Amino acid sequence: MTTAIDVYESLKLKLGEKETRELIEYIEKSTDIDTLKKEIISELMKVMATKEELFATTDELKKEINKIWNELYKLREEITKQGADLRNEKGVFDHAYRRCLHPCCEPRFCPSR
C-alpha cells in the first residue's frame, strides 16, 4: 500500500521540492475534487497522445530506415555484379584458378587485388 509520504517523496524526486510543495498547496486550495480529477485526466490524455505520436513517428522512421537499407543492399549487389562483369570482360581475374592474371612484376603489388 502506498502511503502519502511515499507519494510525496516520489513527487519530490521527479518534480523537485519547490514544485511538489506548489502542487500540494494547489491541491489543498482546490475544493472541487471533480475539477482536479478532470485536469489530471486531461493532462494524462495529452501525455498519452504525445506518446502515441512518438510511437507512430518511430514506426514511420523504422520503415524509412528499412527502405534505405534495402536500397543500399540492392546498390551493393549491383556494384558487386558490375565489378565481376568488368573483371571477366578484361580477363584480369581467373575464377577457375583464383589467381591474378594481371601482368605485373610482383603478385603482392598487383592493383587488381
N, C-alpha and C. Protein backbone atom coordinates (compact mmCIF):
# COMPACT_ATOMS: atom_id res chain seq x y z
N MET A 1 0.85 -1.18 0.00
CA MET A 1 0.00 0.00 0.00
C MET A 1 0.89 1.24 0.00
N THR A 2 0.62 2.14 -0.89
CA THR A 2 1.39 3.37 -0.99
C THR A 2 0.85 4.39 0.00
N THR A 3 1.75 4.98 0.74
CA THR A 3 1.34 6.00 1.72
C THR A 3 1.54 7.39 1.12
N ALA A 4 0.99 8.37 1.81
CA ALA A 4 1.12 9.76 1.36
C ALA A 4 2.59 10.19 1.37
N ILE A 5 3.34 9.67 2.33
CA ILE A 5 4.77 10.02 2.41
C ILE A 5 5.51 9.47 1.20
N ASP A 6 5.17 8.23 0.78
CA ASP A 6 5.80 7.64 -0.40
C ASP A 6 5.49 8.47 -1.65
N VAL A 7 4.25 8.90 -1.77
CA VAL A 7 3.85 9.72 -2.91
C VAL A 7 4.61 11.05 -2.89
N TYR A 8 4.69 11.65 -1.71
CA TYR A 8 5.40 12.93 -1.57
C TYR A 8 6.87 12.77 -1.96
N GLU A 9 7.53 11.73 -1.46
CA GLU A 9 8.95 11.51 -1.76
C GLU A 9 9.14 11.25 -3.26
N SER A 10 8.24 10.49 -3.85
CA SER A 10 8.33 10.20 -5.28
C SER A 10 8.17 11.48 -6.10
N LEU A 11 7.18 12.29 -5.74
CA LEU A 11 6.98 13.56 -6.44
C LEU A 11 8.17 14.49 -6.25
N LYS A 12 8.72 14.50 -5.04
CA LYS A 12 9.86 15.37 -4.76
C LYS A 12 11.06 14.98 -5.62
N LEU A 13 11.24 13.69 -5.84
CA LEU A 13 12.34 13.23 -6.69
C LEU A 13 12.11 13.60 -8.15
N LYS A 14 10.87 13.47 -8.60
CA LYS A 14 10.56 13.72 -10.01
C LYS A 14 10.42 15.21 -10.33
N LEU A 15 9.76 15.95 -9.46
CA LEU A 15 9.47 17.35 -9.75
C LEU A 15 10.43 18.32 -9.08
N GLY A 16 10.95 17.93 -7.96
CA GLY A 16 11.73 18.86 -7.15
C GLY A 16 10.89 19.29 -5.97
N GLU A 17 11.56 19.77 -4.92
CA GLU A 17 10.85 20.09 -3.68
C GLU A 17 9.90 21.27 -3.86
N LYS A 18 10.34 22.32 -4.55
CA LYS A 18 9.51 23.52 -4.71
C LYS A 18 8.23 23.20 -5.49
N GLU A 19 8.39 22.50 -6.62
CA GLU A 19 7.23 22.17 -7.43
C GLU A 19 6.27 21.25 -6.69
N THR A 20 6.82 20.33 -5.90
CA THR A 20 5.97 19.43 -5.12
C THR A 20 5.15 20.20 -4.10
N ARG A 21 5.78 21.14 -3.41
CA ARG A 21 5.04 21.96 -2.44
C ARG A 21 3.95 22.77 -3.12
N GLU A 22 4.28 23.35 -4.29
CA GLU A 22 3.28 24.13 -5.03
C GLU A 22 2.11 23.25 -5.44
N LEU A 23 2.41 22.03 -5.87
CA LEU A 23 1.35 21.11 -6.26
C LEU A 23 0.46 20.75 -5.08
N ILE A 24 1.08 20.48 -3.94
CA ILE A 24 0.31 20.15 -2.73
C ILE A 24 -0.56 21.33 -2.30
N GLU A 25 0.00 22.54 -2.34
CA GLU A 25 -0.78 23.73 -1.99
C GLU A 25 -1.95 23.91 -2.94
N TYR A 26 -1.72 23.67 -4.23
CA TYR A 26 -2.79 23.79 -5.22
C TYR A 26 -3.89 22.78 -4.93
N ILE A 27 -3.49 21.56 -4.61
CA ILE A 27 -4.48 20.52 -4.31
C ILE A 27 -5.26 20.87 -3.05
N GLU A 28 -4.54 21.36 -2.03
CA GLU A 28 -5.22 21.72 -0.78
C GLU A 28 -6.19 22.88 -0.97
N LYS A 29 -5.83 23.85 -1.82
CA LYS A 29 -6.70 25.01 -2.07
C LYS A 29 -7.90 24.63 -2.92
N SER A 30 -7.72 23.64 -3.76
CA SER A 30 -8.79 23.24 -4.66
C SER A 30 -9.86 22.50 -3.86
N THR A 31 -11.04 23.07 -3.85
CA THR A 31 -12.14 22.46 -3.10
C THR A 31 -12.93 21.51 -3.98
N ASP A 32 -12.83 21.70 -5.28
CA ASP A 32 -13.60 20.88 -6.20
C ASP A 32 -12.74 19.71 -6.69
N ILE A 33 -12.96 18.56 -6.13
CA ILE A 33 -12.19 17.37 -6.48
C ILE A 33 -12.47 16.95 -7.92
N ASP A 34 -13.70 17.12 -8.38
CA ASP A 34 -14.04 16.72 -9.74
C ASP A 34 -13.25 17.52 -10.76
N THR A 35 -13.10 18.83 -10.51
CA THR A 35 -12.31 19.67 -11.41
C THR A 35 -10.86 19.19 -11.43
N LEU A 36 -10.35 18.89 -10.26
CA LEU A 36 -8.98 18.40 -10.16
C LEU A 36 -8.81 17.08 -10.91
N LYS A 37 -9.78 16.19 -10.77
CA LYS A 37 -9.74 14.91 -11.49
C LYS A 37 -9.74 15.14 -13.00
N LYS A 38 -10.61 16.07 -13.45
CA LYS A 38 -10.69 16.36 -14.88
C LYS A 38 -9.37 16.91 -15.40
N GLU A 39 -8.73 17.79 -14.62
CA GLU A 39 -7.44 18.35 -15.04
C GLU A 39 -6.37 17.26 -15.13
N ILE A 40 -6.36 16.38 -14.14
CA ILE A 40 -5.38 15.30 -14.15
C ILE A 40 -5.62 14.37 -15.34
N ILE A 41 -6.87 14.05 -15.58
CA ILE A 41 -7.21 13.18 -16.71
C ILE A 41 -6.84 13.84 -18.03
N SER A 42 -7.11 15.14 -18.17
CA SER A 42 -6.77 15.82 -19.42
C SER A 42 -5.25 15.84 -19.63
N GLU A 43 -4.49 16.04 -18.55
CA GLU A 43 -3.03 16.01 -18.67
C GLU A 43 -2.55 14.61 -19.06
N LEU A 44 -3.15 13.60 -18.46
CA LEU A 44 -2.79 12.22 -18.82
C LEU A 44 -3.12 11.92 -20.27
N MET A 45 -4.25 12.42 -20.74
CA MET A 45 -4.63 12.22 -22.14
C MET A 45 -3.63 12.89 -23.08
N LYS A 46 -3.18 14.09 -22.71
CA LYS A 46 -2.17 14.78 -23.52
C LYS A 46 -0.88 13.96 -23.58
N VAL A 47 -0.49 13.43 -22.42
CA VAL A 47 0.73 12.61 -22.38
C VAL A 47 0.57 11.36 -23.24
N MET A 48 -0.57 10.71 -23.14
CA MET A 48 -0.82 9.51 -23.94
C MET A 48 -0.84 9.82 -25.43
N ALA A 49 -1.44 10.95 -25.81
CA ALA A 49 -1.47 11.34 -27.21
C ALA A 49 -0.06 11.59 -27.72
N THR A 50 0.74 12.28 -26.92
CA THR A 50 2.12 12.54 -27.31
C THR A 50 2.88 11.23 -27.44
N LYS A 51 2.65 10.32 -26.51
CA LYS A 51 3.31 9.02 -26.54
C LYS A 51 2.94 8.26 -27.81
N GLU A 52 1.66 8.27 -28.17
CA GLU A 52 1.23 7.57 -29.37
C GLU A 52 1.80 8.22 -30.62
N GLU A 53 1.89 9.55 -30.65
CA GLU A 53 2.51 10.24 -31.77
C GLU A 53 3.97 9.83 -31.91
N LEU A 54 4.66 9.74 -30.78
CA LEU A 54 6.06 9.32 -30.82
C LEU A 54 6.20 7.90 -31.34
N PHE A 55 5.31 7.01 -30.91
CA PHE A 55 5.36 5.64 -31.40
C PHE A 55 5.09 5.58 -32.89
N ALA A 56 4.12 6.36 -33.37
CA ALA A 56 3.81 6.39 -34.79
C ALA A 56 5.00 6.92 -35.58
N THR A 57 5.60 7.99 -35.07
CA THR A 57 6.77 8.56 -35.74
C THR A 57 7.91 7.56 -35.75
N THR A 58 8.10 6.85 -34.65
CA THR A 58 9.16 5.84 -34.58
C THR A 58 8.92 4.74 -35.59
N ASP A 59 7.68 4.29 -35.72
CA ASP A 59 7.36 3.25 -36.70
C ASP A 59 7.62 3.74 -38.12
N GLU A 60 7.24 4.99 -38.41
CA GLU A 60 7.49 5.55 -39.73
C GLU A 60 8.99 5.63 -40.00
N LEU A 61 9.75 6.06 -39.01
CA LEU A 61 11.20 6.13 -39.17
C LEU A 61 11.81 4.76 -39.40
N LYS A 62 11.32 3.76 -38.68
CA LYS A 62 11.83 2.40 -38.87
C LYS A 62 11.56 1.92 -40.29
N LYS A 63 10.37 2.22 -40.80
CA LYS A 63 10.04 1.82 -42.17
C LYS A 63 10.95 2.51 -43.18
N GLU A 64 11.18 3.80 -42.98
CA GLU A 64 12.05 4.55 -43.89
C GLU A 64 13.49 4.02 -43.83
N ILE A 65 13.96 3.72 -42.63
CA ILE A 65 15.31 3.18 -42.49
C ILE A 65 15.41 1.83 -43.19
N ASN A 66 14.39 1.00 -43.05
CA ASN A 66 14.40 -0.30 -43.73
C ASN A 66 14.42 -0.13 -45.24
N LYS A 67 13.66 0.85 -45.76
CA LYS A 67 13.67 1.11 -47.20
C LYS A 67 15.06 1.52 -47.66
N ILE A 68 15.70 2.40 -46.89
CA ILE A 68 17.04 2.87 -47.25
C ILE A 68 18.02 1.70 -47.24
N TRP A 69 17.95 0.85 -46.20
CA TRP A 69 18.85 -0.31 -46.13
C TRP A 69 18.63 -1.23 -47.31
N ASN A 70 17.38 -1.45 -47.69
CA ASN A 70 17.09 -2.30 -48.85
C ASN A 70 17.67 -1.72 -50.12
N GLU A 71 17.53 -0.41 -50.30
CA GLU A 71 18.10 0.23 -51.48
C GLU A 71 19.63 0.12 -51.48
N LEU A 72 20.23 0.34 -50.32
CA LEU A 72 21.69 0.21 -50.23
C LEU A 72 22.15 -1.21 -50.54
N TYR A 73 21.40 -2.19 -50.05
CA TYR A 73 21.75 -3.58 -50.32
C TYR A 73 21.65 -3.88 -51.82
N LYS A 74 20.58 -3.38 -52.46
CA LYS A 74 20.43 -3.58 -53.91
C LYS A 74 21.58 -2.91 -54.67
N LEU A 75 21.93 -1.69 -54.26
CA LEU A 75 23.05 -1.00 -54.91
C LEU A 75 24.35 -1.76 -54.73
N ARG A 76 24.57 -2.29 -53.53
CA ARG A 76 25.79 -3.06 -53.28
C ARG A 76 25.84 -4.30 -54.17
N GLU A 77 24.72 -4.98 -54.30
CA GLU A 77 24.67 -6.16 -55.17
C GLU A 77 24.96 -5.78 -56.62
N GLU A 78 24.38 -4.67 -57.06
CA GLU A 78 24.59 -4.21 -58.44
C GLU A 78 26.05 -3.85 -58.68
N ILE A 79 26.65 -3.14 -57.73
CA ILE A 79 28.06 -2.75 -57.86
C ILE A 79 28.95 -3.99 -57.88
N THR A 80 28.66 -4.96 -57.03
CA THR A 80 29.44 -6.19 -57.00
C THR A 80 29.31 -6.93 -58.33
N LYS A 81 28.10 -6.97 -58.85
CA LYS A 81 27.87 -7.65 -60.13
C LYS A 81 28.60 -6.94 -61.25
N GLN A 82 28.52 -5.60 -61.27
CA GLN A 82 29.21 -4.85 -62.32
C GLN A 82 30.72 -5.02 -62.22
N GLY A 83 31.24 -5.06 -61.00
CA GLY A 83 32.68 -5.27 -60.82
C GLY A 83 33.11 -6.64 -61.31
N ALA A 84 32.31 -7.67 -61.03
CA ALA A 84 32.63 -9.02 -61.51
C ALA A 84 32.55 -9.07 -63.03
N ASP A 85 31.54 -8.42 -63.61
CA ASP A 85 31.42 -8.38 -65.07
C ASP A 85 32.62 -7.68 -65.68
N LEU A 86 33.05 -6.59 -65.08
CA LEU A 86 34.19 -5.84 -65.59
C LEU A 86 35.46 -6.68 -65.55
N ARG A 87 35.67 -7.39 -64.45
CA ARG A 87 36.86 -8.23 -64.35
C ARG A 87 36.81 -9.35 -65.38
N ASN A 88 35.64 -9.92 -65.61
CA ASN A 88 35.52 -11.00 -66.58
C ASN A 88 35.75 -10.49 -68.00
N GLU A 89 35.27 -9.27 -68.30
CA GLU A 89 35.47 -8.70 -69.63
C GLU A 89 36.94 -8.46 -69.92
N LYS A 90 37.66 -7.94 -68.94
CA LYS A 90 39.07 -7.62 -69.16
C LYS A 90 39.97 -8.84 -69.00
N GLY A 91 39.45 -9.90 -68.42
CA GLY A 91 40.25 -11.09 -68.22
C GLY A 91 41.32 -10.91 -67.16
N VAL A 92 41.06 -10.03 -66.21
CA VAL A 92 42.06 -9.74 -65.19
C VAL A 92 42.08 -10.84 -64.13
N PHE A 93 40.94 -11.45 -63.88
CA PHE A 93 40.88 -12.43 -62.80
C PHE A 93 40.38 -13.76 -63.34
N ASP A 94 41.10 -14.81 -63.05
CA ASP A 94 40.72 -16.14 -63.49
C ASP A 94 40.00 -16.83 -62.33
N HIS A 95 38.67 -16.99 -62.45
CA HIS A 95 37.89 -17.54 -61.34
C HIS A 95 38.14 -19.03 -61.15
N ALA A 96 38.53 -19.73 -62.19
CA ALA A 96 38.75 -21.17 -62.06
C ALA A 96 39.94 -21.46 -61.16
N TYR A 97 40.99 -20.68 -61.30
CA TYR A 97 42.20 -20.93 -60.51
C TYR A 97 42.35 -19.97 -59.33
N ARG A 98 41.51 -18.97 -59.25
CA ARG A 98 41.55 -17.96 -58.20
C ARG A 98 42.93 -17.32 -58.10
N ARG A 99 43.47 -16.98 -59.24
CA ARG A 99 44.77 -16.30 -59.24
C ARG A 99 44.69 -15.09 -60.16
N CYS A 100 45.58 -14.16 -59.91
CA CYS A 100 45.59 -12.92 -60.68
C CYS A 100 46.31 -13.15 -62.00
N LEU A 101 45.73 -12.61 -63.07
CA LEU A 101 46.36 -12.70 -64.38
C LEU A 101 46.87 -11.34 -64.83
N HIS A 102 46.91 -10.40 -63.91
CA HIS A 102 47.36 -9.06 -64.25
C HIS A 102 48.86 -9.10 -64.54
N PRO A 103 49.31 -8.47 -65.63
CA PRO A 103 50.75 -8.52 -65.98
C PRO A 103 51.58 -7.57 -65.12
N CYS A 104 51.87 -7.98 -63.91
CA CYS A 104 52.70 -7.15 -63.06
C CYS A 104 53.89 -7.97 -62.57
N CYS A 105 54.89 -7.30 -62.10
CA CYS A 105 56.11 -7.98 -61.69
C CYS A 105 55.92 -8.81 -60.43
N GLU A 106 55.30 -8.25 -59.44
CA GLU A 106 55.17 -8.89 -58.14
C GLU A 106 53.69 -9.08 -57.81
N PRO A 107 53.23 -10.29 -57.51
CA PRO A 107 51.80 -10.50 -57.25
C PRO A 107 51.27 -9.67 -56.08
N ARG A 108 52.07 -9.41 -55.07
CA ARG A 108 51.57 -8.65 -53.93
C ARG A 108 51.36 -7.18 -54.25
N PHE A 109 51.96 -6.67 -55.33
CA PHE A 109 51.75 -5.28 -55.74
C PHE A 109 50.69 -5.15 -56.82
N CYS A 110 50.02 -6.21 -57.10
CA CYS A 110 49.04 -6.21 -58.18
C CYS A 110 47.87 -5.28 -57.85
N PRO A 111 47.53 -4.35 -58.74
CA PRO A 111 46.43 -3.41 -58.48
C PRO A 111 45.06 -4.07 -58.55
N SER A 112 44.96 -5.27 -59.08
CA SER A 112 43.64 -5.90 -59.19
C SER A 112 43.28 -6.69 -57.95
N ARG A 113 44.14 -6.73 -56.96
CA ARG A 113 43.84 -7.45 -55.71
C ARG A 113 43.23 -6.54 -54.71
